[in-house]
N, C-alpha and C. Protein backbone atom coordinates (compact mmCIF):
# COMPACT_ATOMS: atom_id res chain seq x y z
N MET A 1 51.05 8.20 13.72
CA MET A 1 49.54 8.15 13.95
C MET A 1 49.03 6.86 14.02
N ARG A 2 49.33 5.89 13.07
CA ARG A 2 48.77 4.62 12.65
C ARG A 2 49.03 3.82 13.86
N LYS A 3 49.97 4.01 14.71
CA LYS A 3 50.43 3.17 15.85
C LYS A 3 49.21 3.39 16.84
N PHE A 4 48.67 4.33 17.01
CA PHE A 4 47.72 4.80 17.87
C PHE A 4 46.35 4.37 17.69
N LEU A 5 46.06 4.03 16.44
CA LEU A 5 44.66 3.67 16.07
C LEU A 5 44.11 2.55 16.88
N PRO A 6 44.98 1.35 16.85
CA PRO A 6 44.37 0.13 17.53
C PRO A 6 44.25 0.37 19.16
N MET A 7 45.16 1.34 19.60
CA MET A 7 45.00 1.58 21.13
C MET A 7 43.61 2.41 21.23
N VAL A 8 43.41 3.33 20.34
CA VAL A 8 42.04 4.21 20.44
C VAL A 8 40.94 3.32 20.49
N THR A 9 41.10 2.58 19.19
CA THR A 9 39.85 1.74 18.95
C THR A 9 39.51 0.92 20.28
N ALA A 10 40.56 0.13 20.99
CA ALA A 10 40.46 -0.65 22.12
C ALA A 10 39.74 0.21 23.19
N ILE A 11 40.20 1.35 23.41
CA ILE A 11 39.78 2.29 24.39
C ILE A 11 38.10 2.53 24.12
N VAL A 12 37.91 2.86 22.78
CA VAL A 12 36.50 3.26 22.66
C VAL A 12 35.61 2.03 22.77
N LEU A 13 36.17 0.87 22.49
CA LEU A 13 35.30 -0.49 22.79
C LEU A 13 35.11 -0.87 24.03
N CYS A 14 36.04 -0.41 25.01
CA CYS A 14 35.76 -0.86 26.31
C CYS A 14 34.99 0.12 27.00
N GLY A 15 34.95 1.30 26.59
CA GLY A 15 33.86 2.26 27.10
C GLY A 15 32.62 1.96 26.57
N ALA A 16 32.17 1.41 25.25
CA ALA A 16 31.19 0.99 24.87
C ALA A 16 30.55 -0.14 25.61
N THR A 17 31.39 -1.19 25.93
CA THR A 17 31.06 -2.14 26.91
C THR A 17 30.55 -1.91 27.99
N GLY A 18 30.98 -0.92 28.72
CA GLY A 18 30.80 -0.42 30.10
C GLY A 18 29.40 0.28 29.87
N MET A 19 28.98 0.99 28.98
CA MET A 19 27.66 1.68 28.73
C MET A 19 26.63 0.56 28.40
N ALA A 20 26.99 -0.59 27.67
CA ALA A 20 25.90 -1.75 27.47
C ALA A 20 25.58 -2.24 28.85
N PHE A 21 26.53 -2.49 29.72
CA PHE A 21 26.25 -2.99 31.08
C PHE A 21 25.43 -2.10 31.82
N ALA A 22 25.60 -0.92 31.73
CA ALA A 22 25.09 0.11 32.59
C ALA A 22 23.51 0.21 32.37
N HIS A 23 23.11 -0.17 30.86
CA HIS A 23 21.75 -0.16 30.45
C HIS A 23 21.15 -1.44 30.73
N ASN A 24 21.86 -2.58 31.21
CA ASN A 24 21.35 -3.82 31.33
C ASN A 24 20.63 -4.03 32.64
N CYS A 25 20.86 -3.01 33.59
CA CYS A 25 20.22 -3.10 34.99
C CYS A 25 18.76 -3.25 34.75
N PRO A 26 18.07 -2.41 34.08
CA PRO A 26 16.50 -2.63 33.98
C PRO A 26 16.11 -4.07 33.55
N ASN A 27 16.79 -4.75 32.72
CA ASN A 27 16.65 -6.12 32.35
C ASN A 27 16.75 -7.15 33.52
N GLU A 28 17.90 -6.92 34.24
CA GLU A 28 18.07 -7.77 35.37
C GLU A 28 16.92 -7.57 36.40
N MET A 29 16.23 -6.25 36.53
CA MET A 29 15.38 -6.18 37.48
C MET A 29 13.96 -6.88 36.90
N LYS A 30 13.76 -6.58 35.71
CA LYS A 30 12.73 -7.41 35.09
C LYS A 30 12.90 -8.99 35.20
N ALA A 31 14.09 -9.50 35.33
CA ALA A 31 14.09 -11.04 35.34
C ALA A 31 13.74 -11.47 36.76
N ILE A 32 14.21 -10.51 37.75
CA ILE A 32 14.15 -10.94 39.03
C ILE A 32 12.58 -10.68 39.29
N ASP A 33 11.92 -9.71 38.88
CA ASP A 33 10.64 -9.41 39.24
C ASP A 33 9.57 -10.57 38.57
N ALA A 34 10.18 -11.11 37.26
CA ALA A 34 9.46 -12.16 36.65
C ALA A 34 9.42 -13.49 37.62
N LYS A 35 10.63 -13.64 38.11
CA LYS A 35 10.73 -14.87 38.98
C LYS A 35 10.04 -14.73 40.33
N LEU A 36 10.03 -13.61 40.82
CA LEU A 36 9.25 -13.28 41.94
C LEU A 36 7.87 -13.42 41.83
N SER A 37 7.23 -13.14 40.63
CA SER A 37 5.92 -13.32 40.28
C SER A 37 5.39 -14.73 40.30
N THR A 38 6.31 -15.79 40.22
CA THR A 38 5.95 -17.11 40.15
C THR A 38 5.90 -17.79 41.56
N LYS A 39 6.11 -16.86 42.45
CA LYS A 39 6.26 -17.26 44.11
C LYS A 39 7.16 -18.32 44.23
N PRO A 40 8.46 -18.18 43.94
CA PRO A 40 9.38 -19.27 44.19
C PRO A 40 9.44 -19.75 45.63
N ALA A 41 9.86 -20.99 45.90
CA ALA A 41 9.81 -21.40 47.15
C ALA A 41 11.16 -21.10 47.67
N LEU A 42 11.16 -19.92 48.68
CA LEU A 42 12.37 -19.25 49.35
C LEU A 42 12.20 -19.16 50.86
N SER A 43 13.16 -19.36 51.58
CA SER A 43 13.08 -19.27 52.98
C SER A 43 12.85 -17.67 53.33
N PRO A 44 12.03 -17.38 54.50
CA PRO A 44 11.77 -16.01 54.71
C PRO A 44 13.13 -15.08 54.55
N GLU A 45 14.38 -15.57 55.28
CA GLU A 45 15.40 -14.84 55.19
C GLU A 45 15.89 -14.60 53.62
N ASP A 46 15.74 -15.73 52.86
CA ASP A 46 16.14 -15.60 51.22
C ASP A 46 15.27 -14.64 50.56
N ALA A 47 14.03 -14.52 51.00
CA ALA A 47 12.94 -13.63 50.35
C ALA A 47 13.33 -12.21 50.75
N ALA A 48 13.56 -12.12 51.91
CA ALA A 48 13.92 -10.71 52.48
C ALA A 48 15.24 -10.19 51.73
N LYS A 49 16.37 -11.27 51.80
CA LYS A 49 17.51 -10.61 51.07
C LYS A 49 17.21 -10.26 49.67
N VAL A 50 16.67 -11.35 48.90
CA VAL A 50 16.18 -10.76 47.41
C VAL A 50 15.60 -9.61 47.42
N SER A 51 14.65 -9.23 48.13
CA SER A 51 13.89 -7.84 47.94
C SER A 51 14.90 -6.93 48.25
N LYS A 52 15.73 -6.89 49.21
CA LYS A 52 16.59 -5.98 49.63
C LYS A 52 17.50 -5.66 48.53
N LEU A 53 18.10 -6.78 47.87
CA LEU A 53 19.08 -6.69 46.93
C LEU A 53 18.25 -5.92 45.70
N ARG A 54 17.28 -6.47 45.32
CA ARG A 54 16.58 -5.93 44.26
C ARG A 54 16.23 -4.39 44.36
N ALA A 55 15.94 -3.96 45.58
CA ALA A 55 15.63 -2.51 45.83
C ALA A 55 16.85 -1.70 45.90
N ASP A 56 18.09 -2.44 46.50
CA ASP A 56 19.33 -1.72 46.28
C ASP A 56 19.84 -1.61 44.82
N GLY A 57 19.66 -2.49 44.08
CA GLY A 57 20.07 -2.59 42.65
C GLY A 57 19.43 -1.42 41.80
N GLU A 58 18.05 -1.20 42.24
CA GLU A 58 17.28 -0.17 41.31
C GLU A 58 17.90 1.12 42.12
N ALA A 59 18.12 1.18 43.28
CA ALA A 59 18.47 2.51 43.87
C ALA A 59 20.01 2.71 43.13
N TYR A 60 20.82 1.97 43.18
CA TYR A 60 22.17 1.96 42.68
C TYR A 60 21.99 2.55 41.14
N HIS A 61 21.30 1.96 40.52
CA HIS A 61 20.90 2.13 38.88
C HIS A 61 20.41 3.72 38.89
N LYS A 62 19.60 4.15 39.66
CA LYS A 62 19.08 5.56 39.66
C LYS A 62 20.01 6.58 39.89
N ALA A 63 21.17 6.06 40.82
CA ALA A 63 22.07 7.00 41.17
C ALA A 63 23.34 7.03 40.37
N GLY A 64 23.16 6.10 39.26
CA GLY A 64 24.24 5.94 38.35
C GLY A 64 25.54 5.14 38.52
N LYS A 65 25.36 4.36 39.63
CA LYS A 65 26.17 3.42 40.00
C LYS A 65 25.99 2.09 39.57
N HIS A 66 26.15 1.86 38.43
CA HIS A 66 25.74 0.59 37.63
C HIS A 66 26.48 -0.58 38.14
N ASP A 67 27.99 -0.50 38.42
CA ASP A 67 28.64 -1.50 38.65
C ASP A 67 28.10 -2.16 40.15
N GLU A 68 27.74 -1.35 41.27
CA GLU A 68 27.07 -1.78 42.33
C GLU A 68 25.59 -2.25 42.09
N SER A 69 24.87 -1.72 41.17
CA SER A 69 23.60 -2.21 40.73
C SER A 69 23.75 -3.61 40.07
N MET A 70 24.47 -3.80 39.21
CA MET A 70 24.75 -5.22 38.80
C MET A 70 25.17 -6.19 39.82
N LYS A 71 26.02 -5.91 40.67
CA LYS A 71 26.40 -6.64 41.64
C LYS A 71 25.30 -7.12 42.60
N SER A 72 24.54 -6.29 43.00
CA SER A 72 23.34 -6.49 43.83
C SER A 72 22.37 -7.25 43.08
N LEU A 73 22.03 -6.88 41.77
CA LEU A 73 20.98 -7.68 41.03
C LEU A 73 21.37 -8.93 40.79
N LEU A 74 22.65 -9.34 40.28
CA LEU A 74 23.23 -10.64 40.13
C LEU A 74 23.24 -11.50 41.30
N GLU A 75 23.51 -10.94 42.37
CA GLU A 75 23.36 -11.84 43.63
C GLU A 75 22.05 -12.12 44.05
N ALA A 76 21.17 -11.36 43.86
CA ALA A 76 19.54 -11.63 43.91
C ALA A 76 19.11 -12.81 42.76
N LYS A 77 19.73 -12.68 41.67
CA LYS A 77 19.46 -13.78 40.65
C LYS A 77 19.97 -15.13 41.04
N LYS A 78 21.29 -15.00 41.68
CA LYS A 78 21.88 -16.39 42.19
C LYS A 78 20.94 -16.91 43.16
N ILE A 79 20.50 -16.05 44.09
CA ILE A 79 19.71 -16.56 45.20
C ILE A 79 18.39 -17.30 44.62
N LEU A 80 17.75 -16.61 43.70
CA LEU A 80 16.51 -17.13 42.90
C LEU A 80 16.97 -18.32 41.90
N GLY A 81 18.06 -18.52 41.81
CA GLY A 81 18.37 -19.69 40.73
C GLY A 81 18.20 -19.30 39.26
N ILE A 82 18.28 -18.03 38.97
CA ILE A 82 18.40 -17.65 37.83
C ILE A 82 19.66 -16.97 37.06
């Protein structure tokens, strides 16, 4: 039984990490919104892409697809330079 304790602990910690990232989506959206409120100098194409990625991120988050949400939101942040 003692042999399984480290393995079980590792599995629990991995699951907890996934849940922590799942709840980070709103923080990423807030960061994007804050940057957008400063009216950053973006090309019309980049502005449209950021808006779409932000909206997609929120939709994925609401659908429980947090990996996809974080991917969209992090791409939007990259374009914004944050």
